[in-house]
């Protein structure tokens, strides 16, 4: 497949290929250059980096279980990947 690079350095992936790969506006691709100069693009998922301490995670869990409100979908998805921070506290 032949594609071109525009004056900003952007490439355009044909709609058929984007649809086949499930790529949408805002999708992320990891670019790698192999030996010999072969360029490889791999779709990747990016998750926001949320940092909550144990107390914050407990409060969030309590709020979720109370059923008194709803969280935005992006936040629910990010929480699936949340971990407790391990950095030392600064006094």
N, C-alpha and C. Protein backbone atom coordinates (compact mmCIF):
# COMPACT_ATOMS: atom_id res chain seq x y z
N UNK A 1 0.85 -1.16 0.00
CA UNK A 1 0.00 0.00 0.00
C UNK A 1 0.90 1.23 0.00
N UNK A 2 0.65 2.14 -0.90
CA UNK A 2 1.45 3.35 -1.03
C UNK A 2 0.69 4.51 -0.39
N UNK A 3 1.35 5.20 0.53
CA UNK A 3 0.77 6.40 1.15
C UNK A 3 1.80 7.51 1.07
N UNK A 4 1.37 8.74 1.30
CA UNK A 4 2.29 9.88 1.23
C UNK A 4 2.38 10.57 2.59
N UNK A 5 3.44 11.34 2.74
CA UNK A 5 3.65 12.14 3.94
C UNK A 5 3.38 13.59 3.55
N UNK A 6 2.53 14.28 4.33
CA UNK A 6 2.23 15.68 3.99
C UNK A 6 3.31 16.61 4.54
N UNK A 7 3.15 17.91 4.30
CA UNK A 7 4.19 18.88 4.70
C UNK A 7 4.39 18.96 6.21
N UNK A 8 3.40 18.52 7.00
CA UNK A 8 3.55 18.51 8.46
C UNK A 8 4.17 17.21 8.97
N UNK A 9 4.39 16.26 8.07
CA UNK A 9 4.95 14.97 8.46
C UNK A 9 3.88 13.94 8.79
N UNK A 10 2.62 14.28 8.57
CA UNK A 10 1.52 13.36 8.86
C UNK A 10 1.32 12.37 7.72
N UNK A 11 0.84 11.19 8.08
CA UNK A 11 0.47 10.20 7.06
C UNK A 11 -1.03 9.97 7.16
N UNK A 12 -1.63 9.56 6.06
CA UNK A 12 -3.06 9.30 6.02
C UNK A 12 -3.27 7.81 5.78
N UNK A 13 -3.88 7.14 6.76
CA UNK A 13 -4.22 5.73 6.58
C UNK A 13 -5.58 5.66 5.92
N UNK A 14 -5.72 4.90 4.85
CA UNK A 14 -7.00 4.80 4.15
C UNK A 14 -8.13 4.34 5.08
N UNK A 15 -9.34 4.85 4.84
CA UNK A 15 -10.51 4.54 5.67
C UNK A 15 -10.74 3.04 5.78
N UNK A 16 -10.57 2.32 4.68
CA UNK A 16 -10.77 0.87 4.70
C UNK A 16 -9.86 0.20 5.72
N UNK A 17 -8.60 0.62 5.74
CA UNK A 17 -7.63 0.05 6.67
C UNK A 17 -7.96 0.44 8.12
N UNK A 18 -8.32 1.71 8.35
CA UNK A 18 -8.69 2.15 9.70
C UNK A 18 -9.88 1.35 10.22
N UNK A 19 -10.86 1.15 9.36
CA UNK A 19 -12.06 0.40 9.76
C UNK A 19 -11.70 -1.04 10.07
N UNK A 20 -10.90 -1.65 9.22
CA UNK A 20 -10.48 -3.04 9.40
C UNK A 20 -9.73 -3.23 10.72
N UNK A 21 -8.93 -2.24 11.11
CA UNK A 21 -8.13 -2.32 12.33
C UNK A 21 -8.84 -1.75 13.55
N UNK A 22 -10.03 -1.18 13.35
CA UNK A 22 -10.78 -0.60 14.47
C UNK A 22 -10.18 0.70 14.97
N UNK A 23 -9.48 1.42 14.10
CA UNK A 23 -8.86 2.69 14.48
C UNK A 23 -9.84 3.82 14.27
N UNK A 24 -9.92 4.71 15.26
CA UNK A 24 -10.82 5.85 15.19
C UNK A 24 -10.02 7.12 15.43
N UNK A 25 -10.66 8.26 15.24
CA UNK A 25 -10.02 9.54 15.52
C UNK A 25 -9.52 9.53 16.96
N UNK A 26 -8.26 9.83 17.17
CA UNK A 26 -7.69 9.84 18.51
C UNK A 26 -7.03 8.53 18.91
N UNK A 27 -7.11 7.50 18.07
CA UNK A 27 -6.44 6.22 18.38
C UNK A 27 -4.94 6.44 18.43
N UNK A 28 -4.27 5.67 19.28
CA UNK A 28 -2.82 5.76 19.41
C UNK A 28 -2.15 4.60 18.68
N UNK A 29 -1.02 4.91 18.04
CA UNK A 29 -0.21 3.91 17.37
C UNK A 29 1.22 4.03 17.90
N UNK A 30 1.83 2.90 18.17
CA UNK A 30 3.24 2.86 18.57
C UNK A 30 4.06 2.67 17.30
N UNK A 31 5.04 3.53 17.08
CA UNK A 31 5.88 3.45 15.90
C UNK A 31 7.22 2.84 16.29
N UNK A 32 7.65 1.87 15.50
CA UNK A 32 8.96 1.25 15.71
C UNK A 32 9.67 1.20 14.36
N UNK A 33 10.98 1.34 14.40
CA UNK A 33 11.79 1.24 13.18
C UNK A 33 12.67 0.01 13.32
N UNK A 34 12.47 -0.94 12.42
CA UNK A 34 13.24 -2.19 12.45
C UNK A 34 14.54 -2.01 11.66
N UNK A 35 15.38 -3.03 11.77
CA UNK A 35 16.63 -3.01 11.00
C UNK A 35 16.30 -2.85 9.53
N UNK A 36 17.10 -2.06 8.86
CA UNK A 36 16.86 -1.84 7.44
C UNK A 36 15.90 -0.69 7.18
N UNK A 37 15.38 -0.06 8.25
CA UNK A 37 14.51 1.10 8.08
C UNK A 37 13.03 0.80 7.92
N UNK A 38 12.62 -0.45 8.12
CA UNK A 38 11.21 -0.79 8.03
C UNK A 38 10.45 -0.10 9.17
N UNK A 39 9.38 0.62 8.83
CA UNK A 39 8.56 1.31 9.82
C UNK A 39 7.37 0.42 10.17
N UNK A 40 7.17 0.21 11.47
CA UNK A 40 6.04 -0.61 11.92
C UNK A 40 5.16 0.21 12.85
N UNK A 41 3.85 0.14 12.65
CA UNK A 41 2.88 0.81 13.51
C UNK A 41 2.03 -0.25 14.19
N UNK A 42 1.87 -0.12 15.51
CA UNK A 42 1.07 -1.07 16.28
C UNK A 42 0.04 -0.29 17.09
N UNK A 43 -1.26 -0.64 16.98
CA UNK A 43 -2.27 0.03 17.81
C UNK A 43 -2.02 -0.26 19.29
N UNK A 44 -2.17 0.76 20.13
CA UNK A 44 -2.01 0.60 21.57
C UNK A 44 -3.13 1.33 22.30
N UNK A 45 -3.39 0.91 23.53
CA UNK A 45 -4.36 1.59 24.39
C UNK A 45 -3.59 2.38 25.42
N UNK A 46 -4.01 3.61 25.65
CA UNK A 46 -3.37 4.48 26.63
C UNK A 46 -4.36 4.70 27.78
N UNK A 47 -3.88 4.53 28.99
CA UNK A 47 -4.71 4.76 30.17
C UNK A 47 -4.14 5.93 30.95
N UNK A 48 -5.02 6.77 31.43
CA UNK A 48 -4.58 7.89 32.26
C UNK A 48 -3.93 7.36 33.52
N UNK A 49 -3.04 8.14 34.06
CA UNK A 49 -2.34 7.76 35.27
C UNK A 49 -3.02 8.42 36.46
N UNK A 50 -3.89 7.69 37.13
CA UNK A 50 -4.56 8.20 38.32
C UNK A 50 -3.80 7.73 39.54
N UNK A 51 -3.56 8.63 40.46
CA UNK A 51 -2.85 8.26 41.68
C UNK A 51 -3.73 8.57 42.88
N UNK A 52 -4.13 7.53 43.57
CA UNK A 52 -4.88 7.67 44.81
C UNK A 52 -4.18 6.86 45.88
N UNK A 53 -4.15 7.39 47.10
CA UNK A 53 -3.60 6.61 48.20
C UNK A 53 -4.69 5.65 48.69
N UNK A 54 -4.37 4.82 49.67
CA UNK A 54 -5.35 3.85 50.18
C UNK A 54 -6.62 4.52 50.66
N UNK A 55 -6.49 5.66 51.34
CA UNK A 55 -7.66 6.37 51.85
C UNK A 55 -8.53 6.87 50.69
N UNK A 56 -7.89 7.42 49.67
CA UNK A 56 -8.62 7.89 48.50
C UNK A 56 -9.32 6.77 47.76
N UNK A 57 -8.65 5.62 47.62
CA UNK A 57 -9.28 4.46 46.97
C UNK A 57 -10.46 3.97 47.78
N UNK A 58 -10.33 3.97 49.11
CA UNK A 58 -11.42 3.52 49.98
C UNK A 58 -12.62 4.45 49.84
N UNK A 59 -12.39 5.77 49.81
CA UNK A 59 -13.48 6.73 49.64
C UNK A 59 -14.16 6.57 48.29
N UNK A 60 -13.36 6.34 47.27
CA UNK A 60 -13.92 6.14 45.94
C UNK A 60 -14.78 4.88 45.90
N UNK A 61 -14.28 3.79 46.49
CA UNK A 61 -15.04 2.54 46.53
C UNK A 61 -16.34 2.74 47.29
N UNK A 62 -16.29 3.46 48.41
CA UNK A 62 -17.49 3.74 49.21
C UNK A 62 -18.51 4.52 48.38
N UNK A 63 -18.04 5.52 47.65
CA UNK A 63 -18.94 6.31 46.81
C UNK A 63 -19.56 5.47 45.71
N UNK A 64 -18.77 4.60 45.11
CA UNK A 64 -19.29 3.73 44.05
C UNK A 64 -20.34 2.78 44.58
N UNK A 65 -20.09 2.22 45.75
CA UNK A 65 -21.02 1.24 46.32
C UNK A 65 -22.28 1.88 46.88
N UNK A 66 -22.24 3.17 47.22
CA UNK A 66 -23.40 3.84 47.80
C UNK A 66 -24.52 4.00 46.78
N UNK A 67 -24.17 4.07 45.52
CA UNK A 67 -25.18 4.21 44.47
C UNK A 67 -25.84 5.58 44.46
N UNK A 68 -25.28 6.55 45.17
CA UNK A 68 -25.91 7.87 45.22
C UNK A 68 -25.52 8.77 44.05
N UNK A 69 -24.61 8.34 43.24
CA UNK A 69 -24.19 9.13 42.10
C UNK A 69 -23.57 8.23 41.05
N UNK A 70 -23.25 8.80 39.93
CA UNK A 70 -22.60 8.02 38.88
C UNK A 70 -21.28 8.67 38.52
N UNK A 71 -20.37 7.86 38.09
CA UNK A 71 -19.06 8.33 37.65
C UNK A 71 -19.05 8.40 36.13
N UNK A 72 -18.28 9.33 35.57
CA UNK A 72 -18.16 9.37 34.11
C UNK A 72 -17.56 8.07 33.59
N UNK A 73 -17.97 7.67 32.40
CA UNK A 73 -17.48 6.42 31.81
C UNK A 73 -15.96 6.37 31.73
N UNK A 74 -15.31 7.50 31.38
CA UNK A 74 -13.85 7.50 31.28
C UNK A 74 -13.22 7.20 32.62
N UNK A 75 -13.85 7.68 33.70
CA UNK A 75 -13.30 7.46 35.04
C UNK A 75 -13.47 6.00 35.45
N UNK A 76 -14.62 5.42 35.12
CA UNK A 76 -14.87 4.01 35.43
C UNK A 76 -13.82 3.14 34.72
N UNK A 77 -13.54 3.44 33.45
CA UNK A 77 -12.54 2.68 32.70
C UNK A 77 -11.15 2.86 33.31
N UNK A 78 -10.82 4.09 33.69
CA UNK A 78 -9.51 4.34 34.30
C UNK A 78 -9.37 3.60 35.63
N UNK A 79 -10.44 3.49 36.38
CA UNK A 79 -10.38 2.82 37.68
C UNK A 79 -10.07 1.34 37.54
N UNK A 80 -10.41 0.75 36.41
CA UNK A 80 -10.07 -0.66 36.18
C UNK A 80 -8.56 -0.85 36.16
N UNK A 81 -7.83 0.22 35.85
CA UNK A 81 -6.37 0.16 35.75
C UNK A 81 -5.67 0.88 36.89
N UNK A 82 -6.44 1.32 37.89
CA UNK A 82 -5.86 2.11 38.99
C UNK A 82 -5.06 1.23 39.94
N UNK A 83 -4.00 1.79 40.47
CA UNK A 83 -3.16 1.12 41.46
C UNK A 83 -2.89 2.11 42.58
N UNK A 84 -2.61 1.59 43.74
CA UNK A 84 -2.26 2.45 44.86
C UNK A 84 -0.84 2.96 44.66
N UNK A 85 -0.65 4.27 44.87
CA UNK A 85 0.68 4.85 44.75
C UNK A 85 1.60 4.33 45.84
N UNK A 86 2.86 4.18 45.51
CA UNK A 86 3.82 3.65 46.48
C UNK A 86 4.89 4.67 46.84
N UNK A 87 4.74 5.90 46.34
CA UNK A 87 5.73 6.91 46.67
C UNK A 87 5.65 7.27 48.15
N UNK A 88 6.78 7.55 48.76
CA UNK A 88 6.76 7.94 50.18
C UNK A 88 6.07 9.29 50.35
N UNK A 89 5.43 9.48 51.49
CA UNK A 89 4.77 10.75 51.78
C UNK A 89 5.82 11.79 52.12
N UNK A 90 5.56 13.02 51.69
CA UNK A 90 6.47 14.12 52.00
C UNK A 90 5.83 14.93 53.11
N UNK A 91 6.54 15.10 54.20
CA UNK A 91 5.99 15.85 55.35
C UNK A 91 6.27 17.32 55.24
